[in-house]
Amino acid sequence: MKRFLSFAAAFVAAGLIGCTSMTPQQQGTMSGAAIGAAAGAGIAAIAGGSGWTGAAVGAVAGGVVGNIKGSKQQK
């Protein structure tokens, strides 16, 4: 368990550091995909469907919306 927590902490830290040099459009895409994946998995679990499928669909939809929103912030 300690090994998993160490790996998870390193992964989160690397993700946060990696986002500092991104454009607003790239940041919107990444955050939209992450939020969409979490929401899709949650909704699928509540509805009794596959969490993985819900996460995949949510990530795609969230990434598209985040990309569009991020591109409007750039202008």
C-alpha atoms as a PDB file:
ATOM      1  CA  MET A   1       0.000   0.000   0.000  1.00  0.00           C
ATOM      2  CA  LYS A   2       2.854   2.388   0.783  1.00  0.00           C
ATOM      3  CA  ARG A   3       4.323   1.764  -2.633  1.00  0.00           C
ATOM      4  CA  PHE A   4       1.026   2.605  -4.336  1.00  0.00           C
ATOM      5  CA  LEU A   5       0.610   5.822  -2.325  1.00  0.00           C
ATOM      6  CA  SER A   6       4.167   6.888  -3.155  1.00  0.00           C
ATOM      7  CA  PHE A   7       3.536   6.245  -6.844  1.00  0.00           C
ATOM      8  CA  ALA A   8       0.220   8.119  -6.746  1.00  0.00           C
ATOM      9  CA  ALA A   9       1.803  11.109  -4.999  1.00  0.00           C
ATOM     10  CA  ALA A  10       4.618  11.238  -7.562  1.00  0.00           C
ATOM     11  CA  PHE A  11       2.111  11.007 -10.412  1.00  0.00           C
ATOM     12  CA  VAL A  12       0.013  13.882  -9.047  1.00  0.00           C
ATOM     13  CA  ALA A  13       3.097  16.038  -8.431  1.00  0.00           C
ATOM     14  CA  ALA A  14       4.373  15.414 -11.965  1.00  0.00           C
ATOM     15  CA  GLY A  15       0.970  16.299 -13.381  1.00  0.00           C
ATOM     16  CA  LEU A  16       0.834  19.573 -11.496  1.00  0.00           C
ATOM     17  CA  ILE A  17       4.359  20.563 -12.460  1.00  0.00           C
ATOM     18  CA  GLY A  18       3.768  19.624 -16.095  1.00  0.00           C
ATOM     19  CA  CYS A  19       0.769  21.948 -16.388  1.00  0.00           C
ATOM     20  CA  THR A  20       2.728  25.134 -15.678  1.00  0.00           C
ATOM     21  CA  SER A  21       3.995  25.579 -19.240  1.00  0.00           C
ATOM     22  CA  MET A  22       0.723  24.721 -20.988  1.00  0.00           C
ATOM     23  CA  THR A  23      -1.384  27.152 -22.969  1.00  0.00           C
ATOM     24  CA  PRO A  24      -4.890  27.916 -21.679  1.00  0.00           C
ATOM     25  CA  GLN A  25      -6.317  25.689 -24.430  1.00  0.00           C
ATOM     26  CA  GLN A  26      -4.153  22.745 -23.381  1.00  0.00           C
ATOM     27  CA  GLN A  27      -4.997  23.285 -19.711  1.00  0.00           C
ATOM     28  CA  GLY A  28      -8.698  23.403 -20.554  1.00  0.00           C
ATOM     29  CA  THR A  29      -8.457  20.176 -22.509  1.00  0.00           C
ATOM     30  CA  MET A  30      -6.644  18.342 -19.712  1.00  0.00           C
ATOM     31  CA  SER A  31      -8.839  19.575 -16.889  1.00  0.00           C
ATOM     32  CA  GLY A  32     -12.007  19.000 -18.923  1.00  0.00           C
ATOM     33  CA  ALA A  33     -10.953  15.437 -19.687  1.00  0.00           C
ATOM     34  CA  ALA A  34     -10.133  14.727 -16.039  1.00  0.00           C
ATOM     35  CA  ILE A  35     -13.390  16.173 -14.743  1.00  0.00           C
ATOM     36  CA  GLY A  36     -15.362  14.433 -17.491  1.00  0.00           C
ATOM     37  CA  ALA A  37     -13.757  11.072 -16.728  1.00  0.00           C
ATOM     38  CA  ALA A  38     -14.589  11.341 -13.034  1.00  0.00           C
ATOM     39  CA  ALA A  39     -18.147  12.448 -13.721  1.00  0.00           C
ATOM     40  CA  GLY A  40     -18.680   9.779 -16.378  1.00  0.00           C
ATOM     41  CA  ALA A  41     -17.417   7.008 -14.111  1.00  0.00           C
ATOM     42  CA  GLY A  42     -19.584   8.233 -11.256  1.00  0.00           C
ATOM     43  CA  ILE A  43     -22.718   8.488 -13.348  1.00  0.00           C
ATOM     44  CA  ALA A  44     -22.108   5.062 -14.895  1.00  0.00           C
ATOM     45  CA  ALA A  45     -21.603   3.517 -11.460  1.00  0.00           C
ATOM     46  CA  ILE A  46     -24.834   5.042 -10.174  1.00  0.00           C
ATOM     47  CA  ALA A  47     -26.737   3.931 -13.270  1.00  0.00           C
ATOM     48  CA  GLY A  48     -25.352   0.401 -13.032  1.00  0.00           C
ATOM     49  CA  GLY A  49     -23.223   0.552 -16.170  1.00  0.00           C
ATOM     50  CA  SER A  50     -19.519   0.051 -16.770  1.00  0.00           C
ATOM     51  CA  GLY A  51     -17.386   2.592 -14.945  1.00  0.00           C
ATOM     52  CA  TRP A  52     -14.623   2.292 -17.541  1.00  0.00           C
ATOM     53  CA  THR A  53     -16.961   3.040 -20.412  1.00  0.00           C
ATOM     54  CA  GLY A  54     -18.455   5.978 -18.546  1.00  0.00           C
ATOM     55  CA  ALA A  55     -14.978   7.319 -17.802  1.00  0.00           C
ATOM     56  CA  ALA A  56     -13.922   7.011 -21.446  1.00  0.00           C
ATOM     57  CA  VAL A  57     -17.022   8.756 -22.773  1.00  0.00           C
ATOM     58  CA  GLY A  58     -16.812  11.435 -20.094  1.00  0.00           C
ATOM     59  CA  ALA A  59     -13.128  12.054 -20.797  1.00  0.00           C
ATOM     60  CA  VAL A  60     -13.736  12.559 -24.508  1.00  0.00           C
ATOM     61  CA  ALA A  61     -16.717  14.858 -23.958  1.00  0.00           C
ATOM     62  CA  GLY A  62     -14.949  16.817 -21.212  1.00  0.00           C
ATOM     63  CA  GLY A  63     -11.791  17.159 -23.284  1.00  0.00           C
ATOM     64  CA  VAL A  64     -13.715  18.566 -26.241  1.00  0.00           C
ATOM     65  CA  VAL A  65     -15.609  21.067 -24.093  1.00  0.00           C
ATOM     66  CA  GLY A  66     -12.429  22.051 -22.235  1.00  0.00           C
ATOM     67  CA  ASN A  67     -10.583  22.555 -25.514  1.00  0.00           C
ATOM     68  CA  ILE A  68     -13.301  24.841 -26.852  1.00  0.00           C
ATOM     69  CA  LYS A  69     -13.474  26.807 -23.603  1.00  0.00           C
ATOM     70  CA  GLY A  70      -9.676  27.086 -23.412  1.00  0.00           C
ATOM     71  CA  SER A  71      -9.406  28.345 -26.984  1.00  0.00           C
ATOM     72  CA  LYS A  72     -11.876  31.162 -26.220  1.00  0.00           C
ATOM     73  CA  GLN A  73      -9.804  32.237 -23.198  1.00  0.00           C
ATOM     74  CA  GLN A  74      -6.720  32.547 -25.377  1.00  0.00           C
ATOM     75  CA  LYS A  75      -8.230  35.178 -27.688  1.00  0.00           C
END
